[in-house]
Amino acid sequence: MKNERSEVNDRLKRCFRAIFPSLAEERIEEADSANTDGWDSLSAVMLLSVVQQECGVIFDVSDIKRLSSYKKIYEELCNKA
């Protein structure tokens, strides 16, 4: 289980780096829509699209507003694993 969570963490960080390249590595796990420059509706859709491709999951369009932070996306991915 720990290895799965570590893999989810690594994959999710790659996704965040792809969408928010100026976000410092040490800030990724604290990132959310309120504290991350450039996190708007378009980048939220792009982020979840990249996460879906990277992690092989499917999110519903209604999830976009709810999955508004690294932590929430990470938790959702762990629940789907």
PDB file of N, CA and C in Angstrom:
ATOM      1  N   MET A   1       0.824  -1.197   0.000  1.00  0.00           N
ATOM      2  CA  MET A   1       0.000   0.000   0.000  1.00  0.00           C
ATOM      3  C   MET A   1       0.868   1.261   0.000  1.00  0.00           C
ATOM      4  N   LYS A   2       1.964   1.237   0.784  1.00  0.00           N
ATOM      5  CA  LYS A   2       2.829   2.404   0.843  1.00  0.00           C
ATOM      6  C   LYS A   2       3.450   2.678  -0.526  1.00  0.00           C
ATOM      7  N   ASN A   3       3.873   1.625  -1.231  1.00  0.00           N
ATOM      8  CA  ASN A   3       4.452   1.807  -2.552  1.00  0.00           C
ATOM      9  C   ASN A   3       3.453   2.389  -3.526  1.00  0.00           C
ATOM     10  N   GLU A   4       2.175   1.975  -3.433  1.00  0.00           N
ATOM     11  CA  GLU A   4       1.132   2.526  -4.290  1.00  0.00           C
ATOM     12  C   GLU A   4       0.960   4.016  -4.023  1.00  0.00           C
ATOM     13  N   ARG A   5       0.938   4.391  -2.769  1.00  0.00           N
ATOM     14  CA  ARG A   5       0.782   5.810  -2.412  1.00  0.00           C
ATOM     15  C   ARG A   5       1.986   6.623  -2.880  1.00  0.00           C
ATOM     16  N   SER A   6       3.159   6.048  -2.784  1.00  0.00           N
ATOM     17  CA  SER A   6       4.364   6.721  -3.242  1.00  0.00           C
ATOM     18  C   SER A   6       4.316   6.920  -4.757  1.00  0.00           C
ATOM     19  N   GLU A   7       3.853   5.903  -5.457  1.00  0.00           N
ATOM     20  CA  GLU A   7       3.715   5.988  -6.912  1.00  0.00           C
ATOM     21  C   GLU A   7       2.679   7.041  -7.300  1.00  0.00           C
ATOM     22  N   VAL A   8       1.564   7.073  -6.586  1.00  0.00           N
ATOM     23  CA  VAL A   8       0.537   8.097  -6.830  1.00  0.00           C
ATOM     24  C   VAL A   8       1.131   9.475  -6.601  1.00  0.00           C
ATOM     25  N   ASN A   9       1.868   9.637  -5.525  1.00  0.00           N
ATOM     26  CA  ASN A   9       2.493  10.913  -5.196  1.00  0.00           C
ATOM     27  C   ASN A   9       3.446  11.354  -6.317  1.00  0.00           C
ATOM     28  N   ASP A  10       4.304  10.448  -6.773  1.00  0.00           N
ATOM     29  CA  ASP A  10       5.257  10.771  -7.836  1.00  0.00           C
ATOM     30  C   ASP A  10       4.552  11.150  -9.133  1.00  0.00           C
ATOM     31  N   ARG A  11       3.552  10.387  -9.499  1.00  0.00           N
ATOM     32  CA  ARG A  11       2.820  10.673 -10.739  1.00  0.00           C
ATOM     33  C   ARG A  11       2.086  12.006 -10.657  1.00  0.00           C
ATOM     34  N   LEU A  12       1.455  12.250  -9.517  1.00  0.00           N
ATOM     35  CA  LEU A  12       0.705  13.494  -9.359  1.00  0.00           C
ATOM     36  C   LEU A  12       1.638  14.703  -9.383  1.00  0.00           C
ATOM     37  N   LYS A  13       2.797  14.576  -8.775  1.00  0.00           N
ATOM     38  CA  LYS A  13       3.768  15.672  -8.818  1.00  0.00           C
ATOM     39  C   LYS A  13       4.213  15.957 -10.249  1.00  0.00           C
ATOM     40  N   ARG A  14       4.404  14.906 -11.050  1.00  0.00           N
ATOM     41  CA  ARG A  14       4.752  15.105 -12.462  1.00  0.00           C
ATOM     42  C   ARG A  14       3.664  15.897 -13.180  1.00  0.00           C
ATOM     43  N   CYS A  15       2.438  15.587 -12.882  1.00  0.00           N
ATOM     44  CA  CYS A  15       1.309  16.294 -13.501  1.00  0.00           C
ATOM     45  C   CYS A  15       1.307  17.767 -13.100  1.00  0.00           C
ATOM     46  N   PHE A  16       1.520  18.036 -11.835  1.00  0.00           N
ATOM     47  CA  PHE A  16       1.549  19.421 -11.366  1.00  0.00           C
ATOM     48  C   PHE A  16       2.709  20.181 -11.998  1.00  0.00           C
ATOM     49  N   ARG A  17       3.867  19.540 -12.121  1.00  0.00           N
ATOM     50  CA  ARG A  17       5.013  20.212 -12.752  1.00  0.00           C
ATOM     51  C   ARG A  17       4.726  20.522 -14.220  1.00  0.00           C
ATOM     52  N   ALA A  18       3.984  19.647 -14.891  1.00  0.00           N
ATOM     53  CA  ALA A  18       3.655  19.866 -16.301  1.00  0.00           C
ATOM     54  C   ALA A  18       2.721  21.060 -16.478  1.00  0.00           C
ATOM     55  N   ILE A  19       1.776  21.231 -15.580  1.00  0.00           N
ATOM     56  CA  ILE A  19       0.784  22.303 -15.718  1.00  0.00           C
ATOM     57  C   ILE A  19       1.246  23.591 -15.044  1.00  0.00           C
ATOM     58  N   PHE A  20       1.980  23.471 -13.953  1.00  0.00           N
ATOM     59  CA  PHE A  20       2.454  24.642 -13.198  1.00  0.00           C
ATOM     60  C   PHE A  20       3.979  24.593 -13.086  1.00  0.00           C
ATOM     61  N   PRO A  21       4.692  24.812 -14.186  1.00  0.00           N
ATOM     62  CA  PRO A  21       6.152  24.657 -14.178  1.00  0.00           C
ATOM     63  C   PRO A  21       6.884  25.635 -13.263  1.00  0.00           C
ATOM     64  N   SER A  22       6.278  26.752 -12.936  1.00  0.00           N
ATOM     65  CA  SER A  22       6.953  27.714 -12.059  1.00  0.00           C
ATOM     66  C   SER A  22       6.707  27.427 -10.574  1.00  0.00           C
ATOM     67  N   LEU A  23       5.877  26.444 -10.273  1.00  0.00           N
ATOM     68  CA  LEU A  23       5.587  26.087  -8.886  1.00  0.00           C
ATOM     69  C   LEU A  23       6.787  25.350  -8.292  1.00  0.00           C
ATOM     70  N   ALA A  24       7.299  25.861  -7.186  1.00  0.00           N
ATOM     71  CA  ALA A  24       8.459  25.249  -6.532  1.00  0.00           C
ATOM     72  C   ALA A  24       8.121  23.835  -6.060  1.00  0.00           C
ATOM     73  N   GLU A  25       9.077  22.944  -6.207  1.00  0.00           N
ATOM     74  CA  GLU A  25       8.893  21.534  -5.835  1.00  0.00           C
ATOM     75  C   GLU A  25       8.351  21.386  -4.414  1.00  0.00           C
ATOM     76  N   GLU A  26       8.889  22.161  -3.492  1.00  0.00           N
ATOM     77  CA  GLU A  26       8.477  22.039  -2.089  1.00  0.00           C
ATOM     78  C   GLU A  26       7.072  22.585  -1.825  1.00  0.00           C
ATOM     79  N   ARG A  27       6.480  23.267  -2.796  1.00  0.00           N
ATOM     80  CA  ARG A  27       5.133  23.816  -2.628  1.00  0.00           C
ATOM     81  C   ARG A  27       4.053  22.981  -3.310  1.00  0.00           C
ATOM     82  N   ILE A  28       4.453  21.987  -4.077  1.00  0.00           N
ATOM     83  CA  ILE A  28       3.477  21.221  -4.846  1.00  0.00           C
ATOM     84  C   ILE A  28       2.424  20.576  -3.947  1.00  0.00           C
ATOM     85  N   GLU A  29       2.835  19.931  -2.878  1.00  0.00           N
ATOM     86  CA  GLU A  29       1.877  19.222  -2.025  1.00  0.00           C
ATOM     87  C   GLU A  29       0.929  20.161  -1.291  1.00  0.00           C
ATOM     88  N   GLU A  30       1.252  21.436  -1.233  1.00  0.00           N
ATOM     89  CA  GLU A  30       0.380  22.425  -0.588  1.00  0.00           C
ATOM     90  C   GLU A  30      -0.435  23.227  -1.597  1.00  0.00           C
ATOM     91  N   ALA A  31      -0.255  22.928  -2.885  1.00  0.00           N
ATOM     92  CA  ALA A  31      -0.908  23.706  -3.936  1.00  0.00           C
ATOM     93  C   ALA A  31      -2.423  23.528  -3.912  1.00  0.00           C
ATOM     94  N   ASP A  32      -3.094  24.637  -4.108  1.00  0.00           N
ATOM     95  CA  ASP A  32      -4.540  24.610  -4.309  1.00  0.00           C
ATOM     96  C   ASP A  32      -4.933  25.787  -5.191  1.00  0.00           C
ATOM     97  N   SER A  33      -6.195  25.855  -5.525  1.00  0.00           N
ATOM     98  CA  SER A  33      -6.647  26.884  -6.453  1.00  0.00           C
ATOM     99  C   SER A  33      -6.524  28.288  -5.883  1.00  0.00           C
ATOM    100  N   ALA A  34      -6.466  28.414  -4.580  1.00  0.00           N
ATOM    101  CA  ALA A  34      -6.379  29.736  -3.949  1.00  0.00           C
ATOM    102  C   ALA A  34      -4.946  30.240  -3.821  1.00  0.00           C
ATOM    103  N   ASN A  35      -3.970  29.329  -3.734  1.00  0.00           N
ATOM    104  CA  ASN A  35      -2.599  29.781  -3.466  1.00  0.00           C
ATOM    105  C   ASN A  35      -1.617  29.525  -4.616  1.00  0.00           C
ATOM    106  N   THR A  36      -2.127  29.112  -5.760  1.00  0.00           N
ATOM    107  CA  THR A  36      -1.245  28.770  -6.878  1.00  0.00           C
ATOM    108  C   THR A  36      -1.506  29.695  -8.055  1.00  0.00           C
ATOM    109  N   ASP A  37      -0.484  30.461  -8.417  1.00  0.00           N
ATOM    110  CA  ASP A  37      -0.605  31.365  -9.558  1.00  0.00           C
ATOM    111  C   ASP A  37      -0.934  30.577 -10.813  1.00  0.00           C
ATOM    112  N   GLY A  38      -1.906  31.059 -11.554  1.00  0.00           N
ATOM    113  CA  GLY A  38      -2.274  30.437 -12.805  1.00  0.00           C
ATOM    114  C   GLY A  38      -3.311  29.332 -12.694  1.00  0.00           C
ATOM    115  N   TRP A  39      -3.714  28.986 -11.466  1.00  0.00           N
ATOM    116  CA  TRP A  39      -4.733  27.940 -11.304  1.00  0.00           C
ATOM    117  C   TRP A  39      -6.091  28.585 -11.529  1.00  0.00           C
ATOM    118  N   ASP A  40      -6.606  28.391 -12.714  1.00  0.00           N
ATOM    119  CA  ASP A  40      -7.925  28.902 -13.063  1.00  0.00           C
ATOM    120  C   ASP A  40      -8.723  27.742 -13.649  1.00  0.00           C
ATOM    121  N   SER A  41      -9.887  28.032 -14.205  1.00  0.00           N
ATOM    122  CA  SER A  41     -10.736  26.945 -14.698  1.00  0.00           C
ATOM    123  C   SER A  41     -10.074  26.171 -15.834  1.00  0.00           C
ATOM    124  N   LEU A  42      -9.374  26.869 -16.707  1.00  0.00           N
ATOM    125  CA  LEU A  42      -8.707  26.187 -17.822  1.00  0.00           C
ATOM    126  C   LEU A  42      -7.574  25.286 -17.326  1.00  0.00           C
ATOM    127  N   SER A  43      -6.749  25.801 -16.423  1.00  0.00           N
ATOM    128  CA  SER A  43      -5.648  24.976 -15.918  1.00  0.00           C
ATOM    129  C   SER A  43      -6.168  23.811 -15.074  1.00  0.00           C
ATOM    130  N   ALA A  44      -7.317  23.994 -14.410  1.00  0.00           N
ATOM    131  CA  ALA A  44      -7.910  22.893 -13.648  1.00  0.00           C
ATOM    132  C   ALA A  44      -8.325  21.761 -14.581  1.00  0.00           C
ATOM    133  N   VAL A  45      -8.934  22.107 -15.709  1.00  0.00           N
ATOM    134  CA  VAL A  45      -9.324  21.095 -16.694  1.00  0.00           C
ATOM    135  C   VAL A  45      -8.081  20.428 -17.272  1.00  0.00           C
ATOM    136  N   MET A  46      -7.078  21.219 -17.600  1.00  0.00           N
ATOM    137  CA  MET A  46      -5.834  20.670 -18.141  1.00  0.00           C
ATOM    138  C   MET A  46      -5.160  19.744 -17.133  1.00  0.00           C
ATOM    139  N   LEU A  47      -5.110  20.160 -15.871  1.00  0.00           N
ATOM    140  CA  LEU A  47      -4.490  19.344 -14.828  1.00  0.00           C
ATOM    141  C   LEU A  47      -5.196  18.001 -14.697  1.00  0.00           C
ATOM    142  N   LEU A  48      -6.513  18.022 -14.595  1.00  0.00           N
ATOM    143  CA  LEU A  48      -7.238  16.765 -14.437  1.00  0.00           C
ATOM    144  C   LEU A  48      -7.127  15.890 -15.678  1.00  0.00           C
ATOM    145  N   SER A  49      -7.019  16.498 -16.838  1.00  0.00           N
ATOM    146  CA  SER A  49      -6.810  15.730 -18.065  1.00  0.00           C
ATOM    147  C   SER A  49      -5.455  15.021 -18.038  1.00  0.00           C
ATOM    148  N   VAL A  50      -4.423  15.737 -17.625  1.00  0.00           N
ATOM    149  CA  VAL A  50      -3.082  15.146 -17.520  1.00  0.00           C
ATOM    150  C   VAL A  50      -3.069  14.050 -16.457  1.00  0.00           C
ATOM    151  N   VAL A  51      -3.740  14.289 -15.339  1.00  0.00           N
ATOM    152  CA  VAL A  51      -3.807  13.286 -14.273  1.00  0.00           C
ATOM    153  C   VAL A  51      -4.505  12.021 -14.786  1.00  0.00           C
ATOM    154  N   GLN A  52      -5.584  12.202 -15.524  1.00  0.00           N
ATOM    155  CA  GLN A  52      -6.300  11.045 -16.078  1.00  0.00           C
ATOM    156  C   GLN A  52      -5.391  10.219 -16.986  1.00  0.00           C
ATOM    157  N   GLN A  53      -4.641  10.903 -17.833  1.00  0.00           N
ATOM    158  CA  GLN A  53      -3.727  10.198 -18.736  1.00  0.00           C
ATOM    159  C   GLN A  53      -2.592   9.521 -17.974  1.00  0.00           C
ATOM    160  N   GLU A  54      -2.021  10.224 -17.037  1.00  0.00           N
ATOM    161  CA  GLU A  54      -0.867   9.715 -16.286  1.00  0.00           C
ATOM    162  C   GLU A  54      -1.249   8.549 -15.378  1.00  0.00           C
ATOM    163  N   CYS A  55      -2.424   8.627 -14.779  1.00  0.00           N
ATOM    164  CA  CYS A  55      -2.804   7.652 -13.754  1.00  0.00           C
ATOM    165  C   CYS A  55      -3.840   6.637 -14.219  1.00  0.00           C
ATOM    166  N   GLY A  56      -4.350   6.812 -15.437  1.00  0.00           N
ATOM    167  CA  GLY A  56      -5.310   5.854 -15.957  1.00  0.00           C
ATOM    168  C   GLY A  56      -6.637   5.848 -15.228  1.00  0.00           C
ATOM    169  N   VAL A  57      -7.082   7.012 -14.808  1.00  0.00           N
ATOM    170  CA  VAL A  57      -8.367   7.135 -14.128  1.00  0.00           C
ATOM    171  C   VAL A  57      -9.274   8.043 -14.950  1.00  0.00           C
ATOM    172  N   ILE A  58     -10.542   8.047 -14.596  1.00  0.00           N
ATOM    173  CA  ILE A  58     -11.514   8.918 -15.247  1.00  0.00           C
ATOM    174  C   ILE A  58     -12.184   9.767 -14.171  1.00  0.00           C
ATOM    175  N   PHE A  59     -12.204  11.064 -14.406  1.00  0.00           N
ATOM    176  CA  PHE A  59     -12.932  11.979 -13.529  1.00  0.00           C
ATOM    177  C   PHE A  59     -14.169  12.462 -14.258  1.00  0.00           C
ATOM    178  N   ASP A  60     -15.200  12.730 -13.529  1.00  0.00           N
ATOM    179  CA  ASP A  60     -16.414  13.313 -14.071  1.00  0.00           C
ATOM    180  C   ASP A  60     -16.235  14.828 -14.145  1.00  0.00           C
ATOM    181  N   VAL A  61     -16.889  15.458 -15.087  1.00  0.00           N
ATOM    182  CA  VAL A  61     -16.797  16.915 -15.223  1.00  0.00           C
ATOM    183  C   VAL A  61     -17.175  17.605 -13.915  1.00  0.00           C
ATOM    184  N   SER A  62     -18.100  17.033 -13.193  1.00  0.00           N
ATOM    185  CA  SER A  62     -18.532  17.638 -11.922  1.00  0.00           C
ATOM    186  C   SER A  62     -17.441  17.591 -10.851  1.00  0.00           C
ATOM    187  N   ASP A  63     -16.394  16.794 -11.061  1.00  0.00           N
ATOM    188  CA  ASP A  63     -15.294  16.690 -10.093  1.00  0.00           C
ATOM    189  C   ASP A  63     -14.356  17.891 -10.134  1.00  0.00           C
ATOM    190  N   ILE A  64     -14.385  18.646 -11.217  1.00  0.00           N
ATOM    191  CA  ILE A  64     -13.414  19.721 -11.412  1.00  0.00           C
ATOM    192  C   ILE A  64     -13.413  20.704 -10.250  1.00  0.00           C
ATOM    193  N   LYS A  65     -14.583  21.154  -9.840  1.00  0.00           N
ATOM    194  CA  LYS A  65     -14.645  22.134  -8.751  1.00  0.00           C
ATOM    195  C   LYS A  65     -14.212  21.531  -7.411  1.00  0.00           C
ATOM    196  N   ARG A  66     -14.590  20.288  -7.181  1.00  0.00           N
ATOM    197  CA  ARG A  66     -14.267  19.622  -5.911  1.00  0.00           C
ATOM    198  C   ARG A  66     -12.780  19.290  -5.795  1.00  0.00           C
ATOM    199  N   LEU A  67     -12.144  18.938  -6.888  1.00  0.00           N
ATOM    200  CA  LEU A  67     -10.729  18.551  -6.865  1.00  0.00           C
ATOM    201  C   LEU A  67      -9.866  19.779  -7.091  1.00  0.00           C
ATOM    202  N   SER A  68      -9.862  20.648  -6.112  1.00  0.00           N
ATOM    203  CA  SER A  68      -9.226  21.958  -6.243  1.00  0.00           C
ATOM    204  C   SER A  68      -7.930  22.105  -5.456  1.00  0.00           C
ATOM    205  N   SER A  69      -7.289  20.982  -5.147  1.00  0.00           N
ATOM    206  CA  SER A  69      -5.999  21.039  -4.456  1.00  0.00           C
ATOM    207  C   SER A  69      -5.235  19.745  -4.704  1.00  0.00           C
ATOM    208  N   TYR A  70      -3.947  19.808  -4.499  1.00  0.00           N
ATOM    209  CA  TYR A  70      -3.112  18.616  -4.604  1.00  0.00           C
ATOM    210  C   TYR A  70      -3.646  17.535  -3.665  1.00  0.00           C
ATOM    211  N   LYS A  71      -3.909  17.924  -2.431  1.00  0.00           N
ATOM    212  CA  LYS A  71      -4.343  16.952  -1.425  1.00  0.00           C
ATOM    213  C   LYS A  71      -5.640  16.260  -1.822  1.00  0.00           C
ATOM    214  N   LYS A  72      -6.598  17.027  -2.342  1.00  0.00           N
ATOM    215  CA  LYS A  72      -7.878  16.431  -2.726  1.00  0.00           C
ATOM    216  C   LYS A  72      -7.715  15.490  -3.918  1.00  0.00           C
ATOM    217  N   ILE A  73      -6.895  15.879  -4.878  1.00  0.00           N
ATOM    218  CA  ILE A  73      -6.658  15.008  -6.030  1.00  0.00           C
ATOM    219  C   ILE A  73      -5.924  13.746  -5.584  1.00  0.00           C
ATOM    220  N   TYR A  74      -4.921  13.911  -4.732  1.00  0.00           N
ATOM    221  CA  TYR A  74      -4.157  12.767  -4.210  1.00  0.00           C
ATOM    222  C   TYR A  74      -5.097  11.786  -3.487  1.00  0.00           C
ATOM    223  N   GLU A  75      -5.954  12.301  -2.615  1.00  0.00           N
ATOM    224  CA  GLU A  75      -6.881  11.449  -1.886  1.00  0.00           C
ATOM    225  C   GLU A  75      -7.821  10.708  -2.836  1.00  0.00           C
ATOM    226  N   GLU A  76      -8.300  11.416  -3.851  1.00  0.00           N
ATOM    227  CA  GLU A  76      -9.189  10.787  -4.842  1.00  0.00           C
ATOM    228  C   GLU A  76      -8.466   9.674  -5.589  1.00  0.00           C
ATOM    229  N   LEU A  77      -7.228   9.915  -5.975  1.00  0.00           N
ATOM    230  CA  LEU A  77      -6.453   8.890  -6.670  1.00  0.00           C
ATOM    231  C   LEU A  77      -6.204   7.678  -5.782  1.00  0.00           C
ATOM    232  N   CYS A  78      -5.903   7.910  -4.525  1.00  0.00           N
ATOM    233  CA  CYS A  78      -5.677   6.799  -3.588  1.00  0.00           C
ATOM    234  C   CYS A  78      -6.952   5.990  -3.407  1.00  0.00           C
ATOM    235  N   ASN A  79      -8.099   6.657  -3.398  1.00  0.00           N
ATOM    236  CA  ASN A  79      -9.382   5.950  -3.261  1.00  0.00           C
ATOM    237  C   ASN A  79      -9.705   5.135  -4.495  1.00  0.00           C
ATOM    238  N   LYS A  80      -9.238   5.583  -5.677  1.00  0.00           N
ATOM    239  CA  LYS A  80      -9.507   4.863  -6.922  1.00  0.00           C
ATOM    240  C   LYS A  80      -8.529   3.712  -7.133  1.00  0.00           C
ATOM    241  N   ALA A  81      -7.410   3.737  -6.416  1.00  0.00           N
ATOM    242  CA  ALA A  81      -6.370   2.705  -6.614  1.00  0.00           C
ATOM    243  C   ALA A  81      -6.790   1.363  -6.040  1.00  0.00           C
TER     244      ALA A  81
END
